[in-house]
Amino acid sequence: MQPVPTGDLAGGSHSKRLGAAAHTLVIDYWTPDNPAEWTPDSTPIVNFTARIDGTGGGEEIRVTRFNARVDALATVLANDTGSFAVEPPYAYSSAVAVPANPGADATTIIFTLDLLTETAPGSGIFTRQTVIDSLTVGYSQPGPAADKHDAGDGGTPKAADG
């Protein structure tokens, strides 16, 4: 039986539309990997692109911080600061490697973007907004850690030799 991929990237990609001031922020996630092969011991790659939908009103829109983290593992995957254009036709792109999470059924990544949006074209006055999104990477196969359980005792881990 072929493993069935789970999580937001089960189909290989996932998109979200989020409010960002008077605009819509489109976030696209995708992976070059096969989600059906992911286990809790895998380290899949997740690509990320954020862009403003539409033609824009001429104001500057910038990403000034991109952060990706896995709170359950107390791990920061990326923390990018600077000033990156996302108004059309530009987009902010990044990629992260999801760390192994032995014993888990899924790993949730929290993405945070700080956006600066010019209040009027050419004004040089900006508002700031923080946009937070999450993505769940599911595992369709158990990791090797699952093999360390004795099937005859209800899944209780075996005692370590020593």
N, C-alpha and C. Protein backbone atom coordinates (compact mmCIF):
# COMPACT_ATOMS: atom_id res chain seq x y z
N MET A 1 0.84 -1.19 0.00
CA MET A 1 0.00 0.00 0.00
C MET A 1 0.88 1.25 0.00
N GLN A 2 0.59 2.16 -0.88
CA GLN A 2 1.36 3.40 -1.01
C GLN A 2 1.00 4.36 0.14
N PRO A 3 2.02 4.95 0.80
CA PRO A 3 1.72 5.90 1.87
C PRO A 3 0.94 7.11 1.34
N VAL A 4 0.01 7.61 2.15
CA VAL A 4 -0.79 8.76 1.78
C VAL A 4 -0.21 10.00 2.45
N PRO A 5 0.21 11.01 1.66
CA PRO A 5 0.75 12.23 2.25
C PRO A 5 -0.30 12.94 3.10
N THR A 6 0.16 13.60 4.16
CA THR A 6 -0.73 14.36 5.03
C THR A 6 -0.18 15.76 5.21
N GLY A 7 -0.95 16.63 5.84
CA GLY A 7 -0.50 17.99 6.11
C GLY A 7 -0.80 18.94 4.97
N ASP A 8 -0.42 20.20 5.15
CA ASP A 8 -0.70 21.25 4.18
C ASP A 8 0.01 21.03 2.84
N LEU A 9 1.13 20.33 2.85
CA LEU A 9 1.87 20.10 1.61
C LEU A 9 1.64 18.71 1.02
N ALA A 10 0.54 18.06 1.39
CA ALA A 10 0.24 16.71 0.90
C ALA A 10 0.23 16.66 -0.62
N GLY A 11 -0.22 17.74 -1.26
CA GLY A 11 -0.25 17.80 -2.72
C GLY A 11 1.00 18.41 -3.33
N GLY A 12 1.99 18.73 -2.50
CA GLY A 12 3.23 19.32 -2.99
C GLY A 12 3.30 20.82 -2.91
N SER A 13 2.12 21.49 -2.81
CA SER A 13 2.10 22.95 -2.68
C SER A 13 0.85 23.38 -1.92
N HIS A 14 0.89 24.62 -1.47
CA HIS A 14 -0.22 25.15 -0.68
C HIS A 14 -0.16 26.68 -0.79
N SER A 15 -1.29 27.34 -0.96
CA SER A 15 -1.34 28.80 -1.04
C SER A 15 -2.33 29.36 -0.03
N LYS A 16 -2.01 30.56 0.45
CA LYS A 16 -2.91 31.26 1.36
C LYS A 16 -2.99 32.71 0.95
N ARG A 17 -4.14 33.31 1.23
CA ARG A 17 -4.35 34.74 0.98
C ARG A 17 -4.67 35.37 2.33
N LEU A 18 -3.85 36.35 2.72
CA LEU A 18 -3.99 36.98 4.02
C LEU A 18 -4.12 38.49 3.86
N GLY A 19 -4.90 39.10 4.74
CA GLY A 19 -5.01 40.55 4.72
C GLY A 19 -3.71 41.20 5.18
N ALA A 20 -3.33 42.25 4.47
CA ALA A 20 -2.11 43.00 4.80
C ALA A 20 -2.39 44.47 4.52
N ALA A 21 -2.76 45.20 5.58
CA ALA A 21 -3.19 46.59 5.45
C ALA A 21 -4.35 46.62 4.45
N ALA A 22 -4.27 47.45 3.41
CA ALA A 22 -5.35 47.53 2.42
C ALA A 22 -5.11 46.58 1.26
N HIS A 23 -4.18 45.64 1.43
CA HIS A 23 -3.80 44.74 0.35
C HIS A 23 -4.05 43.29 0.74
N THR A 24 -3.79 42.40 -0.21
CA THR A 24 -3.85 40.97 0.05
C THR A 24 -2.45 40.41 -0.16
N LEU A 25 -1.94 39.73 0.86
CA LEU A 25 -0.64 39.07 0.78
C LEU A 25 -0.90 37.62 0.39
N VAL A 26 -0.29 37.20 -0.70
CA VAL A 26 -0.43 35.83 -1.16
C VAL A 26 0.85 35.10 -0.78
N ILE A 27 0.69 34.00 -0.05
CA ILE A 27 1.84 33.19 0.36
C ILE A 27 1.71 31.84 -0.32
N ASP A 28 2.75 31.48 -1.05
CA ASP A 28 2.80 30.19 -1.72
C ASP A 28 3.88 29.35 -1.05
N TYR A 29 3.54 28.11 -0.70
CA TYR A 29 4.47 27.14 -0.14
C TYR A 29 4.57 25.98 -1.12
N TRP A 30 5.75 25.42 -1.28
CA TRP A 30 5.89 24.22 -2.10
C TRP A 30 7.15 23.49 -1.70
N THR A 31 7.24 22.24 -2.13
CA THR A 31 8.41 21.43 -1.80
C THR A 31 8.89 20.70 -3.05
N PRO A 32 10.19 20.54 -3.19
CA PRO A 32 10.70 19.73 -4.29
C PRO A 32 10.69 18.24 -3.93
N ASP A 33 10.40 17.94 -2.67
CA ASP A 33 10.42 16.57 -2.17
C ASP A 33 9.08 15.89 -2.38
N ASN A 34 9.04 14.57 -2.17
CA ASN A 34 7.81 13.81 -2.25
C ASN A 34 7.22 13.67 -0.85
N PRO A 35 6.12 14.36 -0.54
CA PRO A 35 5.53 14.29 0.80
C PRO A 35 5.14 12.88 1.23
N ALA A 36 4.89 11.98 0.30
CA ALA A 36 4.54 10.60 0.66
C ALA A 36 5.71 9.86 1.29
N GLU A 37 6.92 10.37 1.13
CA GLU A 37 8.11 9.72 1.67
C GLU A 37 8.55 10.31 3.01
N TRP A 38 7.88 11.37 3.47
CA TRP A 38 8.30 12.03 4.70
C TRP A 38 7.99 11.19 5.92
N THR A 39 8.97 11.13 6.82
CA THR A 39 8.82 10.49 8.13
C THR A 39 9.21 11.53 9.17
N PRO A 40 8.98 11.27 10.45
CA PRO A 40 9.41 12.21 11.49
C PRO A 40 10.93 12.42 11.50
N ASP A 41 11.67 11.53 10.88
CA ASP A 41 13.13 11.68 10.82
C ASP A 41 13.61 12.37 9.55
N SER A 42 12.68 12.73 8.67
CA SER A 42 13.02 13.43 7.43
C SER A 42 13.36 14.89 7.72
N THR A 43 14.05 15.52 6.78
CA THR A 43 14.31 16.96 6.84
C THR A 43 13.89 17.58 5.51
N PRO A 44 12.57 17.65 5.27
CA PRO A 44 12.10 18.17 3.99
C PRO A 44 12.39 19.66 3.82
N ILE A 45 12.49 20.05 2.56
CA ILE A 45 12.68 21.46 2.20
C ILE A 45 11.31 22.06 1.91
N VAL A 46 11.06 23.25 2.47
CA VAL A 46 9.84 23.99 2.19
C VAL A 46 10.25 25.34 1.61
N ASN A 47 9.77 25.62 0.39
CA ASN A 47 10.00 26.90 -0.27
C ASN A 47 8.82 27.81 0.05
N PHE A 48 9.10 29.11 0.05
CA PHE A 48 8.13 30.10 0.49
C PHE A 48 8.26 31.33 -0.40
N THR A 49 7.12 31.85 -0.88
CA THR A 49 7.11 33.11 -1.62
C THR A 49 5.95 33.94 -1.09
N ALA A 50 6.20 35.23 -0.86
CA ALA A 50 5.16 36.16 -0.42
C ALA A 50 5.12 37.31 -1.43
N ARG A 51 3.91 37.65 -1.85
CA ARG A 51 3.74 38.75 -2.81
C ARG A 51 2.41 39.44 -2.54
N ILE A 52 2.32 40.68 -2.96
CA ILE A 52 1.07 41.43 -2.85
C ILE A 52 0.27 41.16 -4.12
N ASP A 53 -1.00 40.84 -3.95
CA ASP A 53 -1.87 40.55 -5.08
C ASP A 53 -2.34 41.86 -5.72
N GLY A 54 -2.44 41.86 -7.02
CA GLY A 54 -2.98 43.01 -7.75
C GLY A 54 -1.89 43.88 -8.34
N THR A 55 -2.31 45.00 -8.86
CA THR A 55 -1.38 45.91 -9.54
C THR A 55 -0.76 46.93 -8.61
N GLY A 56 -1.33 47.12 -7.45
CA GLY A 56 -0.78 48.07 -6.48
C GLY A 56 -1.20 49.49 -6.77
N GLY A 57 -1.09 50.31 -5.74
CA GLY A 57 -1.49 51.71 -5.85
C GLY A 57 -0.31 52.65 -5.93
N GLY A 58 0.89 52.12 -6.14
CA GLY A 58 2.07 52.96 -6.28
C GLY A 58 2.85 53.15 -4.99
N GLU A 59 2.30 52.72 -3.86
CA GLU A 59 3.02 52.86 -2.61
C GLU A 59 4.03 51.72 -2.47
N GLU A 60 5.10 51.99 -1.72
CA GLU A 60 6.11 50.97 -1.47
C GLU A 60 5.60 50.02 -0.38
N ILE A 61 5.87 48.73 -0.57
CA ILE A 61 5.54 47.72 0.44
C ILE A 61 6.80 46.87 0.60
N ARG A 62 7.25 46.75 1.82
CA ARG A 62 8.50 46.05 2.09
C ARG A 62 8.33 45.01 3.19
N VAL A 63 9.01 43.87 3.04
CA VAL A 63 9.18 42.92 4.12
C VAL A 63 10.45 43.34 4.85
N THR A 64 10.34 43.60 6.14
CA THR A 64 11.52 44.00 6.91
C THR A 64 11.99 42.90 7.87
N ARG A 65 11.18 41.85 8.01
CA ARG A 65 11.61 40.69 8.77
C ARG A 65 10.82 39.48 8.31
N PHE A 66 11.55 38.38 8.10
CA PHE A 66 10.95 37.09 7.81
C PHE A 66 11.53 36.13 8.83
N ASN A 67 10.64 35.47 9.56
CA ASN A 67 11.07 34.52 10.58
C ASN A 67 10.28 33.23 10.40
N ALA A 68 10.98 32.12 10.45
CA ALA A 68 10.32 30.81 10.41
C ALA A 68 10.85 30.02 11.60
N ARG A 69 9.92 29.43 12.36
CA ARG A 69 10.34 28.70 13.56
C ARG A 69 9.43 27.51 13.81
N VAL A 70 9.97 26.55 14.56
CA VAL A 70 9.20 25.41 15.03
C VAL A 70 9.22 25.50 16.55
N ASP A 71 8.14 26.02 17.11
CA ASP A 71 8.08 26.23 18.55
C ASP A 71 8.22 24.92 19.33
N ALA A 72 7.64 23.82 18.82
CA ALA A 72 7.69 22.54 19.52
C ALA A 72 9.12 22.03 19.68
N LEU A 73 10.02 22.48 18.81
CA LEU A 73 11.43 22.06 18.89
C LEU A 73 12.33 23.20 19.37
N ALA A 74 11.73 24.34 19.71
CA ALA A 74 12.49 25.53 20.11
C ALA A 74 13.60 25.83 19.10
N THR A 75 13.21 25.82 17.81
CA THR A 75 14.17 25.98 16.72
C THR A 75 13.75 27.10 15.78
N VAL A 76 14.69 28.01 15.50
CA VAL A 76 14.48 29.04 14.49
C VAL A 76 15.08 28.52 13.19
N LEU A 77 14.27 28.48 12.14
CA LEU A 77 14.71 27.98 10.84
C LEU A 77 15.28 29.09 9.98
N ALA A 78 14.76 30.30 10.14
CA ALA A 78 15.24 31.46 9.37
C ALA A 78 14.87 32.73 10.12
N ASN A 79 15.73 33.72 10.03
CA ASN A 79 15.43 35.04 10.58
C ASN A 79 16.14 36.05 9.68
N ASP A 80 15.41 36.57 8.71
CA ASP A 80 15.96 37.44 7.68
C ASP A 80 15.46 38.86 7.92
N THR A 81 16.38 39.79 8.07
CA THR A 81 16.00 41.19 8.24
C THR A 81 16.63 42.00 7.13
N GLY A 82 16.02 43.10 6.82
CA GLY A 82 16.47 43.98 5.74
C GLY A 82 15.28 44.75 5.24
N SER A 83 15.27 45.05 3.97
CA SER A 83 14.15 45.76 3.36
C SER A 83 13.96 45.18 1.96
N PHE A 84 12.94 44.34 1.82
CA PHE A 84 12.73 43.58 0.60
C PHE A 84 11.39 43.96 -0.02
N ALA A 85 11.40 44.35 -1.29
CA ALA A 85 10.20 44.78 -1.99
C ALA A 85 9.26 43.59 -2.22
N VAL A 86 7.97 43.81 -1.99
CA VAL A 86 6.96 42.80 -2.31
C VAL A 86 5.81 43.39 -3.12
N GLU A 87 5.89 44.69 -3.44
CA GLU A 87 4.83 45.25 -4.28
C GLU A 87 5.04 44.74 -5.71
N PRO A 88 3.95 44.59 -6.47
CA PRO A 88 4.06 44.04 -7.83
C PRO A 88 5.08 44.84 -8.65
N PRO A 89 5.93 44.15 -9.38
CA PRO A 89 5.96 42.73 -9.72
C PRO A 89 6.91 41.91 -8.83
N TYR A 90 7.30 42.41 -7.68
CA TYR A 90 8.30 41.75 -6.84
C TYR A 90 7.67 40.79 -5.83
N ALA A 91 8.49 39.87 -5.35
CA ALA A 91 8.06 38.91 -4.32
C ALA A 91 9.25 38.64 -3.41
N TYR A 92 8.95 38.23 -2.19
CA TYR A 92 9.99 37.79 -1.26
C TYR A 92 9.97 36.27 -1.27
N SER A 93 11.14 35.67 -1.44
CA SER A 93 11.24 34.21 -1.48
C SER A 93 12.30 33.72 -0.52
N SER A 94 12.07 32.55 0.03
CA SER A 94 13.03 31.92 0.92
C SER A 94 12.75 30.41 0.92
N ALA A 95 13.61 29.67 1.58
CA ALA A 95 13.42 28.23 1.74
C ALA A 95 13.96 27.84 3.11
N VAL A 96 13.36 26.83 3.71
CA VAL A 96 13.82 26.33 5.00
C VAL A 96 13.86 24.81 4.95
N ALA A 97 14.74 24.25 5.74
CA ALA A 97 14.79 22.80 5.93
C ALA A 97 14.11 22.51 7.26
N VAL A 98 13.07 21.70 7.22
CA VAL A 98 12.32 21.35 8.43
C VAL A 98 13.14 20.31 9.20
N PRO A 99 13.44 20.57 10.47
CA PRO A 99 14.26 19.60 11.21
C PRO A 99 13.49 18.32 11.53
N ALA A 100 14.23 17.26 11.71
CA ALA A 100 13.62 15.99 12.13
C ALA A 100 12.87 16.22 13.44
N ASN A 101 11.78 15.51 13.60
CA ASN A 101 10.95 15.65 14.79
C ASN A 101 10.50 14.24 15.22
N PRO A 102 11.47 13.41 15.68
CA PRO A 102 11.19 12.01 15.99
C PRO A 102 9.99 11.84 16.91
N GLY A 103 9.14 10.89 16.54
CA GLY A 103 7.97 10.58 17.34
C GLY A 103 6.75 11.42 17.03
N ALA A 104 6.89 12.45 16.20
CA ALA A 104 5.76 13.34 15.90
C ALA A 104 4.95 12.82 14.72
N ASP A 105 3.67 13.19 14.68
CA ASP A 105 2.82 12.90 13.53
C ASP A 105 2.91 14.01 12.49
N ALA A 106 3.34 15.21 12.95
CA ALA A 106 3.44 16.38 12.08
C ALA A 106 4.32 17.42 12.77
N THR A 107 4.79 18.37 11.98
CA THR A 107 5.55 19.50 12.50
C THR A 107 4.89 20.77 11.99
N THR A 108 4.63 21.71 12.88
CA THR A 108 4.03 22.98 12.49
C THR A 108 5.11 24.06 12.48
N ILE A 109 5.20 24.74 11.34
CA ILE A 109 6.13 25.85 11.18
C ILE A 109 5.33 27.15 11.31
N ILE A 110 5.83 28.08 12.10
CA ILE A 110 5.21 29.40 12.24
C ILE A 110 6.04 30.38 11.42
N PHE A 111 5.39 31.09 10.50
CA PHE A 111 6.04 32.09 9.65
C PHE A 111 5.56 33.47 10.09
N THR A 112 6.50 34.39 10.31
CA THR A 112 6.19 35.75 10.69
C THR A 112 6.83 36.71 9.69
N LEU A 113 6.05 37.64 9.17
CA LEU A 113 6.56 38.66 8.26
C LEU A 113 6.17 40.02 8.82
N ASP A 114 7.14 40.92 8.91
CA ASP A 114 6.84 42.31 9.23
C ASP A 114 6.82 43.07 7.92
N LEU A 115 5.71 43.77 7.67
CA LEU A 115 5.54 44.53 6.44
C LEU A 115 5.49 46.02 6.74
N LEU A 116 6.20 46.81 5.95
CA LEU A 116 6.07 48.26 5.98
C LEU A 116 5.32 48.66 4.72
N THR A 117 4.25 49.43 4.89
CA THR A 117 3.46 49.89 3.76
C THR A 117 3.42 51.40 3.78
N GLU A 118 3.81 52.00 2.67
CA GLU A 118 3.79 53.46 2.56
C GLU A 118 2.34 53.92 2.60
N THR A 119 2.06 54.98 3.37
CA THR A 119 0.68 55.44 3.55
C THR A 119 0.11 56.07 2.28
N ALA A 120 0.95 56.67 1.46
CA ALA A 120 0.55 57.24 0.16
C ALA A 120 1.79 57.20 -0.74
N PRO A 121 1.59 57.01 -2.03
CA PRO A 121 2.75 56.93 -2.92
C PRO A 121 3.68 58.14 -2.77
N GLY A 122 4.97 57.85 -2.52
CA GLY A 122 5.97 58.90 -2.41
C GLY A 122 5.99 59.66 -1.10
N SER A 123 5.13 59.30 -0.13
CA SER A 123 5.04 60.06 1.12
C SER A 123 6.23 59.81 2.03
N GLY A 124 6.82 58.61 1.94
CA GLY A 124 7.92 58.27 2.85
C GLY A 124 7.45 57.97 4.26
N ILE A 125 6.14 57.92 4.48
CA ILE A 125 5.58 57.60 5.79
C ILE A 125 5.01 56.19 5.68
N PHE A 126 5.38 55.34 6.64
CA PHE A 126 5.02 53.92 6.56
C PHE A 126 4.24 53.46 7.80
N THR A 127 3.38 52.50 7.57
CA THR A 127 2.75 51.78 8.68
C THR A 127 3.39 50.40 8.73
N ARG A 128 3.37 49.81 9.91
CA ARG A 128 3.96 48.48 10.06
C ARG A 128 2.87 47.50 10.46
N GLN A 129 2.95 46.32 9.89
CA GLN A 129 2.01 45.26 10.21
C GLN A 129 2.77 43.95 10.30
N THR A 130 2.44 43.14 11.28
CA THR A 130 3.02 41.81 11.41
C THR A 130 1.98 40.81 10.94
N VAL A 131 2.38 39.95 10.02
CA VAL A 131 1.51 38.90 9.48
C VAL A 131 2.09 37.56 9.94
N ILE A 132 1.24 36.73 10.53
CA ILE A 132 1.68 35.42 11.02
C ILE A 132 0.88 34.34 10.31
N ASP A 133 1.57 33.31 9.86
CA ASP A 133 0.92 32.18 9.21
C ASP A 133 1.58 30.91 9.71
N SER A 134 0.90 29.79 9.54
CA SER A 134 1.48 28.51 9.94
C SER A 134 1.28 27.50 8.83
N LEU A 135 2.16 26.52 8.81
CA LEU A 135 2.11 25.45 7.83
C LEU A 135 2.39 24.15 8.56
N THR A 136 1.55 23.14 8.32
CA THR A 136 1.75 21.85 8.96
C THR A 136 2.34 20.87 7.97
N VAL A 137 3.50 20.33 8.32
CA VAL A 137 4.18 19.30 7.53
C VAL A 137 3.81 17.97 8.17
N GLY A 138 3.05 17.17 7.45
CA GLY A 138 2.60 15.89 7.97
C GLY A 138 3.51 14.75 7.53
N TYR A 139 3.48 13.67 8.29
CA TYR A 139 4.30 12.50 7.98
C TYR A 139 3.40 11.33 7.64
N SER A 140 3.58 10.80 6.45
CA SER A 140 2.73 9.70 6.00
C SER A 140 3.31 8.35 6.39
N GLN A 141 4.55 8.34 6.87
CA GLN A 141 5.19 7.10 7.29
C GLN A 141 5.78 7.29 8.69
N PRO A 142 5.73 6.28 9.52
CA PRO A 142 6.39 6.40 10.83
C PRO A 142 7.91 6.40 10.64
N GLY A 143 8.59 7.04 11.55
CA GLY A 143 10.05 7.04 11.50
C GLY A 143 10.62 5.79 12.15
N PRO A 144 11.93 5.61 12.06
CA PRO A 144 12.57 4.46 12.69
C PRO A 144 12.29 4.36 14.19
N ALA A 145 12.02 5.50 14.85
CA ALA A 145 11.73 5.47 16.29
C ALA A 145 10.51 4.60 16.57
N ALA A 146 9.57 4.53 15.62
CA ALA A 146 8.37 3.71 15.81
C ALA A 146 8.72 2.23 15.83
N ASP A 147 9.82 1.84 15.18
CA ASP A 147 10.26 0.44 15.15
C ASP A 147 10.84 -0.01 16.48
N LYS A 148 11.10 0.89 17.39
CA LYS A 148 11.71 0.56 18.67
C LYS A 148 10.68 0.14 19.70
N HIS A 149 9.41 0.01 19.27
CA HIS A 149 8.34 -0.41 20.17
C HIS A 149 8.04 -1.88 19.92
N ASP A 150 7.73 -2.61 20.96
CA ASP A 150 7.38 -4.01 20.86
C ASP A 150 5.89 -4.10 20.52
N ALA A 151 5.56 -4.68 19.38
CA ALA A 151 4.18 -4.73 18.93
C ALA A 151 3.30 -5.53 19.89
N GLY A 152 3.86 -6.44 20.69
CA GLY A 152 3.07 -7.28 21.57
C GLY A 152 2.73 -6.64 22.90
N ASP A 153 3.26 -5.45 23.21
CA ASP A 153 3.00 -4.89 24.54
C ASP A 153 2.23 -3.58 24.48
N GLY A 154 1.47 -3.37 23.41
CA GLY A 154 0.62 -2.19 23.34
C GLY A 154 1.38 -0.93 23.01
N GLY A 155 2.60 -1.03 22.48
CA GLY A 155 3.34 0.15 22.04
C GLY A 155 4.22 0.74 23.12
N THR A 156 4.42 0.03 24.22
CA THR A 156 5.30 0.54 25.27
C THR A 156 6.74 0.45 24.79
N PRO A 157 7.52 1.54 24.92
CA PRO A 157 8.92 1.46 24.48
C PRO A 157 9.68 0.39 25.24
N LYS A 158 10.60 -0.24 24.54
CA LYS A 158 11.45 -1.24 25.17
C LYS A 158 12.45 -0.58 26.10
N ALA A 159 12.81 -1.25 27.15
CA ALA A 159 13.80 -0.71 28.07
C ALA A 159 15.18 -0.75 27.40
N ALA A 160 15.96 0.27 27.69
CA ALA A 160 17.31 0.35 27.12
C ALA A 160 18.21 -0.65 27.84
N ASP A 161 19.11 -1.26 27.09
CA ASP A 161 20.09 -2.14 27.70
C ASP A 161 21.09 -1.32 28.47
N GLY A 162 21.52 -1.85 29.56
CA GLY A 162 22.54 -1.05 30.19
C GLY A 162 22.80 -1.46 31.54
